[in-house]
Amino acid sequence: MKGYQQCVYECVFVSSVWLPFHAAASSGDKHVSSSYESWFSDFVKGSSESSSAHGAAGTHRTLQVLLMVLSSLVPCDTLGVLQAQQRVLGNLSGQGSEQLRDYLMLVKARVSELKEV
């Protein structure tokens, strides 16, 4: 039951804390966008550390949940948000997560599309 409760907590955290901030950053406001990158970096750093870490998310599994959500939002994200996520998550690519590599490839392709427009 403990694992289930942790999973529920992580999903609630991602949806209640990260999604509203992401929506504000996607609005195009440059001030919010720059603070989004800083906040997102702190969030991801906490997510990628061990479960005993004191980061915002705290577990690797939370990062996996976040990547799943991020992947579904790629088609509607702005160029600035995608580039911020690409910079932050690119620093984690050495961790060997297949889901992370797939997400970064998806973002790279979408960024190229948006730059062409």
N, C-alpha and C. Protein backbone atom coordinates (compact mmCIF):
# COMPACT_ATOMS: atom_id res chain seq x y z
N MET A 1 0.82 -1.20 0.00
CA MET A 1 0.00 0.00 0.00
C MET A 1 0.86 1.25 0.00
N LYS A 2 2.03 1.19 0.66
CA LYS A 2 2.88 2.36 0.74
C LYS A 2 3.31 2.82 -0.65
N GLY A 3 3.67 1.89 -1.53
CA GLY A 3 4.06 2.24 -2.89
C GLY A 3 2.94 2.92 -3.64
N TYR A 4 1.73 2.43 -3.47
CA TYR A 4 0.56 3.02 -4.12
C TYR A 4 0.34 4.44 -3.61
N GLN A 5 0.44 4.64 -2.31
CA GLN A 5 0.24 5.97 -1.74
C GLN A 5 1.30 6.94 -2.24
N GLN A 6 2.54 6.48 -2.37
CA GLN A 6 3.61 7.33 -2.89
C GLN A 6 3.32 7.71 -4.33
N CYS A 7 2.87 6.77 -5.13
CA CYS A 7 2.54 7.03 -6.52
C CYS A 7 1.43 8.07 -6.64
N VAL A 8 0.40 7.92 -5.82
CA VAL A 8 -0.70 8.88 -5.82
C VAL A 8 -0.19 10.26 -5.42
N TYR A 9 0.65 10.32 -4.40
CA TYR A 9 1.23 11.60 -3.97
C TYR A 9 2.00 12.24 -5.11
N GLU A 10 2.81 11.46 -5.82
CA GLU A 10 3.62 12.00 -6.90
C GLU A 10 2.74 12.54 -8.03
N CYS A 11 1.70 11.83 -8.37
CA CYS A 11 0.79 12.30 -9.42
C CYS A 11 0.07 13.58 -9.00
N VAL A 12 -0.35 13.65 -7.76
CA VAL A 12 -1.01 14.85 -7.25
C VAL A 12 -0.03 16.01 -7.23
N PHE A 13 1.20 15.75 -6.82
CA PHE A 13 2.20 16.81 -6.78
C PHE A 13 2.44 17.37 -8.17
N VAL A 14 2.65 16.49 -9.13
CA VAL A 14 2.90 16.94 -10.51
C VAL A 14 1.72 17.74 -11.03
N SER A 15 0.52 17.27 -10.79
CA SER A 15 -0.64 17.96 -11.35
C SER A 15 -0.99 19.25 -10.61
N SER A 16 -0.77 19.30 -9.30
CA SER A 16 -1.18 20.49 -8.55
C SER A 16 -0.10 21.55 -8.44
N VAL A 17 1.16 21.16 -8.52
CA VAL A 17 2.25 22.13 -8.37
C VAL A 17 2.87 22.47 -9.72
N TRP A 18 3.24 21.48 -10.49
CA TRP A 18 3.95 21.73 -11.73
C TRP A 18 3.03 22.25 -12.84
N LEU A 19 1.87 21.65 -13.04
CA LEU A 19 1.00 22.04 -14.17
C LEU A 19 0.59 23.51 -14.16
N PRO A 20 0.18 24.08 -13.03
CA PRO A 20 -0.17 25.51 -13.06
C PRO A 20 1.02 26.41 -13.42
N PHE A 21 2.19 26.07 -12.92
CA PHE A 21 3.38 26.86 -13.23
C PHE A 21 3.72 26.71 -14.71
N HIS A 22 3.59 25.50 -15.22
CA HIS A 22 3.84 25.23 -16.64
C HIS A 22 2.89 26.03 -17.51
N ALA A 23 1.63 26.08 -17.14
CA ALA A 23 0.63 26.83 -17.91
C ALA A 23 0.98 28.31 -17.94
N ALA A 24 1.41 28.85 -16.83
CA ALA A 24 1.80 30.26 -16.78
C ALA A 24 3.00 30.52 -17.67
N ALA A 25 3.97 29.61 -17.66
CA ALA A 25 5.16 29.77 -18.49
C ALA A 25 4.81 29.68 -19.97
N SER A 26 3.83 28.86 -20.29
CA SER A 26 3.42 28.69 -21.68
C SER A 26 2.66 29.89 -22.23
N SER A 27 2.29 30.81 -21.35
CA SER A 27 1.52 31.97 -21.78
C SER A 27 2.34 32.94 -22.62
N GLY A 28 3.67 32.80 -22.58
CA GLY A 28 4.52 33.66 -23.37
C GLY A 28 5.13 34.82 -22.59
N ASP A 29 4.76 35.00 -21.35
CA ASP A 29 5.32 36.06 -20.52
C ASP A 29 6.79 35.73 -20.25
N LYS A 30 7.70 36.58 -20.72
CA LYS A 30 9.13 36.30 -20.62
C LYS A 30 9.60 36.20 -19.17
N HIS A 31 9.03 37.00 -18.27
CA HIS A 31 9.43 36.94 -16.86
C HIS A 31 9.07 35.58 -16.27
N VAL A 32 7.87 35.11 -16.56
CA VAL A 32 7.43 33.80 -16.06
C VAL A 32 8.25 32.71 -16.71
N SER A 33 8.54 32.84 -18.01
CA SER A 33 9.30 31.81 -18.71
C SER A 33 10.69 31.65 -18.14
N SER A 34 11.37 32.75 -17.81
CA SER A 34 12.71 32.63 -17.25
C SER A 34 12.66 32.03 -15.84
N SER A 35 11.69 32.40 -15.06
CA SER A 35 11.59 31.81 -13.72
C SER A 35 11.13 30.35 -13.81
N TYR A 36 10.39 30.00 -14.85
CA TYR A 36 9.99 28.61 -15.07
C TYR A 36 11.23 27.74 -15.24
N GLU A 37 12.18 28.19 -16.03
CA GLU A 37 13.38 27.37 -16.25
C GLU A 37 14.12 27.13 -14.94
N SER A 38 14.25 28.15 -14.13
CA SER A 38 14.93 28.01 -12.84
C SER A 38 14.15 27.07 -11.93
N TRP A 39 12.84 27.26 -11.84
CA TRP A 39 12.02 26.42 -10.99
C TRP A 39 12.03 24.97 -11.49
N PHE A 40 11.90 24.80 -12.81
CA PHE A 40 11.88 23.47 -13.40
C PHE A 40 13.21 22.76 -13.13
N SER A 41 14.30 23.48 -13.22
CA SER A 41 15.61 22.90 -12.94
C SER A 41 15.69 22.39 -11.51
N ASP A 42 15.22 23.19 -10.57
CA ASP A 42 15.20 22.76 -9.17
C ASP A 42 14.30 21.55 -8.97
N PHE A 43 13.15 21.56 -9.62
CA PHE A 43 12.19 20.45 -9.52
C PHE A 43 12.81 19.17 -10.03
N VAL A 44 13.43 19.24 -11.20
CA VAL A 44 14.01 18.05 -11.82
C VAL A 44 15.20 17.55 -11.00
N LYS A 45 16.00 18.45 -10.49
CA LYS A 45 17.13 18.04 -9.66
C LYS A 45 16.64 17.23 -8.46
N GLY A 46 15.58 17.69 -7.84
CA GLY A 46 15.00 16.96 -6.72
C GLY A 46 14.41 15.63 -7.14
N SER A 47 13.84 15.58 -8.34
CA SER A 47 13.20 14.36 -8.83
C SER A 47 14.21 13.28 -9.17
N SER A 48 15.37 13.70 -9.63
CA SER A 48 16.34 12.72 -10.12
C SER A 48 17.24 12.17 -9.02
N GLU A 49 17.18 12.77 -7.85
CA GLU A 49 18.00 12.29 -6.75
C GLU A 49 17.30 11.12 -6.05
N SER A 50 17.99 10.53 -5.13
CA SER A 50 17.42 9.37 -4.42
C SER A 50 16.21 9.78 -3.60
N SER A 51 15.46 8.81 -3.16
CA SER A 51 14.23 9.09 -2.42
C SER A 51 14.50 9.76 -1.07
N SER A 52 15.73 9.73 -0.62
CA SER A 52 16.04 10.41 0.64
C SER A 52 16.39 11.88 0.42
N ALA A 53 16.40 12.30 -0.82
CA ALA A 53 16.76 13.68 -1.13
C ALA A 53 15.69 14.64 -0.63
N HIS A 54 16.08 15.89 -0.52
CA HIS A 54 15.15 16.91 -0.05
C HIS A 54 14.68 17.80 -1.19
N GLY A 55 14.76 17.32 -2.42
CA GLY A 55 14.30 18.10 -3.56
C GLY A 55 12.79 18.20 -3.58
N ALA A 56 12.28 19.00 -4.50
CA ALA A 56 10.84 19.25 -4.58
C ALA A 56 10.04 17.99 -4.82
N ALA A 57 10.53 17.12 -5.65
CA ALA A 57 9.76 15.93 -5.98
C ALA A 57 10.25 14.72 -5.21
N GLY A 58 11.55 14.58 -5.08
CA GLY A 58 12.10 13.59 -4.19
C GLY A 58 12.39 12.21 -4.74
N THR A 59 11.78 11.74 -5.82
CA THR A 59 12.06 10.39 -6.27
C THR A 59 12.23 10.33 -7.78
N HIS A 60 12.95 9.31 -8.21
CA HIS A 60 13.14 9.06 -9.64
C HIS A 60 11.80 8.76 -10.30
N ARG A 61 10.93 8.08 -9.58
CA ARG A 61 9.62 7.74 -10.14
C ARG A 61 8.82 9.00 -10.45
N THR A 62 8.95 10.03 -9.64
CA THR A 62 8.25 11.29 -9.91
C THR A 62 8.74 11.88 -11.23
N LEU A 63 10.04 11.76 -11.48
CA LEU A 63 10.57 12.24 -12.76
C LEU A 63 9.96 11.46 -13.91
N GLN A 64 9.77 10.17 -13.73
CA GLN A 64 9.15 9.36 -14.79
C GLN A 64 7.71 9.79 -15.05
N VAL A 65 6.97 10.09 -13.99
CA VAL A 65 5.60 10.59 -14.13
C VAL A 65 5.62 11.93 -14.86
N LEU A 66 6.54 12.79 -14.47
CA LEU A 66 6.66 14.09 -15.11
C LEU A 66 6.98 13.94 -16.59
N LEU A 67 7.88 13.05 -16.94
CA LEU A 67 8.22 12.84 -18.36
C LEU A 67 7.02 12.36 -19.16
N MET A 68 6.20 11.53 -18.54
CA MET A 68 4.99 11.07 -19.22
C MET A 68 4.06 12.25 -19.51
N VAL A 69 3.89 13.11 -18.52
CA VAL A 69 3.03 14.29 -18.69
C VAL A 69 3.64 15.23 -19.71
N LEU A 70 4.94 15.49 -19.60
CA LEU A 70 5.61 16.39 -20.54
C LEU A 70 5.48 15.89 -21.97
N SER A 71 5.63 14.60 -22.17
CA SER A 71 5.53 14.03 -23.52
C SER A 71 4.17 14.31 -24.14
N SER A 72 3.13 14.23 -23.33
CA SER A 72 1.79 14.47 -23.88
C SER A 72 1.56 15.94 -24.20
N LEU A 73 2.35 16.84 -23.60
CA LEU A 73 2.17 18.28 -23.82
C LEU A 73 3.06 18.84 -24.93
N VAL A 74 4.00 18.07 -25.44
CA VAL A 74 4.92 18.56 -26.46
C VAL A 74 4.21 19.21 -27.65
N PRO A 75 3.15 18.63 -28.19
CA PRO A 75 2.51 19.26 -29.35
C PRO A 75 1.96 20.66 -29.11
N CYS A 76 1.64 20.99 -27.87
CA CYS A 76 1.04 22.31 -27.61
C CYS A 76 1.95 23.24 -26.82
N ASP A 77 3.15 22.80 -26.44
CA ASP A 77 4.08 23.66 -25.71
C ASP A 77 4.69 24.72 -26.62
N THR A 78 5.05 25.84 -26.02
CA THR A 78 5.71 26.91 -26.77
C THR A 78 7.18 26.57 -26.97
N LEU A 79 7.79 27.24 -27.91
CA LEU A 79 9.20 27.03 -28.19
C LEU A 79 10.05 27.32 -26.95
N GLY A 80 9.77 28.40 -26.26
CA GLY A 80 10.55 28.76 -25.07
C GLY A 80 10.47 27.71 -23.97
N VAL A 81 9.29 27.18 -23.73
CA VAL A 81 9.12 26.15 -22.70
C VAL A 81 9.86 24.89 -23.10
N LEU A 82 9.75 24.49 -24.36
CA LEU A 82 10.43 23.28 -24.81
C LEU A 82 11.95 23.44 -24.73
N GLN A 83 12.45 24.61 -25.10
CA GLN A 83 13.89 24.84 -25.02
C GLN A 83 14.38 24.82 -23.57
N ALA A 84 13.60 25.38 -22.67
CA ALA A 84 13.96 25.35 -21.25
C ALA A 84 14.01 23.91 -20.75
N GLN A 85 13.01 23.12 -21.10
CA GLN A 85 12.99 21.73 -20.68
C GLN A 85 14.14 20.95 -21.30
N GLN A 86 14.45 21.26 -22.54
CA GLN A 86 15.54 20.59 -23.24
C GLN A 86 16.88 20.89 -22.55
N ARG A 87 17.10 22.14 -22.17
CA ARG A 87 18.34 22.51 -21.49
C ARG A 87 18.45 21.80 -20.13
N VAL A 88 17.37 21.84 -19.38
CA VAL A 88 17.40 21.25 -18.03
C VAL A 88 17.53 19.73 -18.10
N LEU A 89 16.69 19.10 -18.90
CA LEU A 89 16.70 17.64 -18.94
C LEU A 89 17.90 17.09 -19.69
N GLY A 90 18.47 17.88 -20.58
CA GLY A 90 19.68 17.45 -21.29
C GLY A 90 20.83 17.17 -20.35
N ASN A 91 20.85 17.85 -19.21
CA ASN A 91 21.89 17.63 -18.21
C ASN A 91 21.75 16.28 -17.51
N LEU A 92 20.59 15.67 -17.62
CA LEU A 92 20.34 14.38 -16.97
C LEU A 92 20.53 13.20 -17.91
N SER A 93 20.77 13.47 -19.18
CA SER A 93 20.76 12.41 -20.19
C SER A 93 21.78 11.30 -19.92
N GLY A 94 22.82 11.57 -19.14
CA GLY A 94 23.79 10.54 -18.81
C GLY A 94 23.28 9.50 -17.84
N GLN A 95 22.09 9.69 -17.31
CA GLN A 95 21.55 8.75 -16.33
C GLN A 95 20.99 7.48 -16.96
N GLY A 96 20.89 7.45 -18.29
CA GLY A 96 20.54 6.23 -18.99
C GLY A 96 19.07 5.88 -19.05
N SER A 97 18.18 6.77 -18.68
CA SER A 97 16.76 6.47 -18.75
C SER A 97 16.30 6.51 -20.21
N GLU A 98 15.75 5.40 -20.66
CA GLU A 98 15.24 5.33 -22.03
C GLU A 98 14.10 6.33 -22.23
N GLN A 99 13.26 6.48 -21.22
CA GLN A 99 12.15 7.42 -21.31
C GLN A 99 12.67 8.85 -21.45
N LEU A 100 13.74 9.19 -20.75
CA LEU A 100 14.33 10.51 -20.85
C LEU A 100 14.93 10.74 -22.24
N ARG A 101 15.65 9.76 -22.75
CA ARG A 101 16.22 9.89 -24.11
C ARG A 101 15.12 10.06 -25.14
N ASP A 102 14.05 9.27 -25.03
CA ASP A 102 12.94 9.39 -25.96
C ASP A 102 12.30 10.77 -25.89
N TYR A 103 12.12 11.28 -24.68
CA TYR A 103 11.53 12.60 -24.51
C TYR A 103 12.41 13.67 -25.15
N LEU A 104 13.72 13.60 -24.92
CA LEU A 104 14.62 14.60 -25.48
C LEU A 104 14.64 14.55 -27.00
N MET A 105 14.52 13.37 -27.59
CA MET A 105 14.44 13.26 -29.06
C MET A 105 13.15 13.89 -29.56
N LEU A 106 12.05 13.65 -28.86
CA LEU A 106 10.76 14.23 -29.23
C LEU A 106 10.82 15.75 -29.17
N VAL A 107 11.40 16.28 -28.11
CA VAL A 107 11.51 17.73 -27.95
C VAL A 107 12.40 18.32 -29.03
N LYS A 108 13.49 17.67 -29.32
CA LYS A 108 14.41 18.16 -30.36
C LYS A 108 13.69 18.27 -31.71
N ALA A 109 12.91 17.26 -32.04
CA ALA A 109 12.16 17.29 -33.29
C ALA A 109 11.12 18.41 -33.29
N ARG A 110 10.42 18.58 -32.19
CA ARG A 110 9.38 19.62 -32.10
C ARG A 110 10.00 21.02 -32.14
N VAL A 111 11.14 21.21 -31.48
CA VAL A 111 11.83 22.50 -31.50
C VAL A 111 12.23 22.83 -32.94
N SER A 112 12.73 21.85 -33.66
CA SER A 112 13.09 22.07 -35.08
C SER A 112 11.87 22.49 -35.89
N GLU A 113 10.74 21.83 -35.67
CA GLU A 113 9.50 22.19 -36.37
C GLU A 113 9.09 23.62 -36.07
N LEU A 114 9.14 23.98 -34.80
CA LEU A 114 8.70 25.33 -34.40
C LEU A 114 9.64 26.41 -34.93
N LYS A 115 10.91 26.11 -35.04
CA LYS A 115 11.87 27.08 -35.56
C LYS A 115 11.66 27.33 -37.04
N GLU A 116 11.14 26.33 -37.75
CA GLU A 116 10.89 26.46 -39.19
C GLU A 116 9.69 27.36 -39.48
N VAL A 117 8.79 27.46 -38.55
CA VAL A 117 7.56 28.23 -38.76
C VAL A 117 7.80 29.70 -38.70
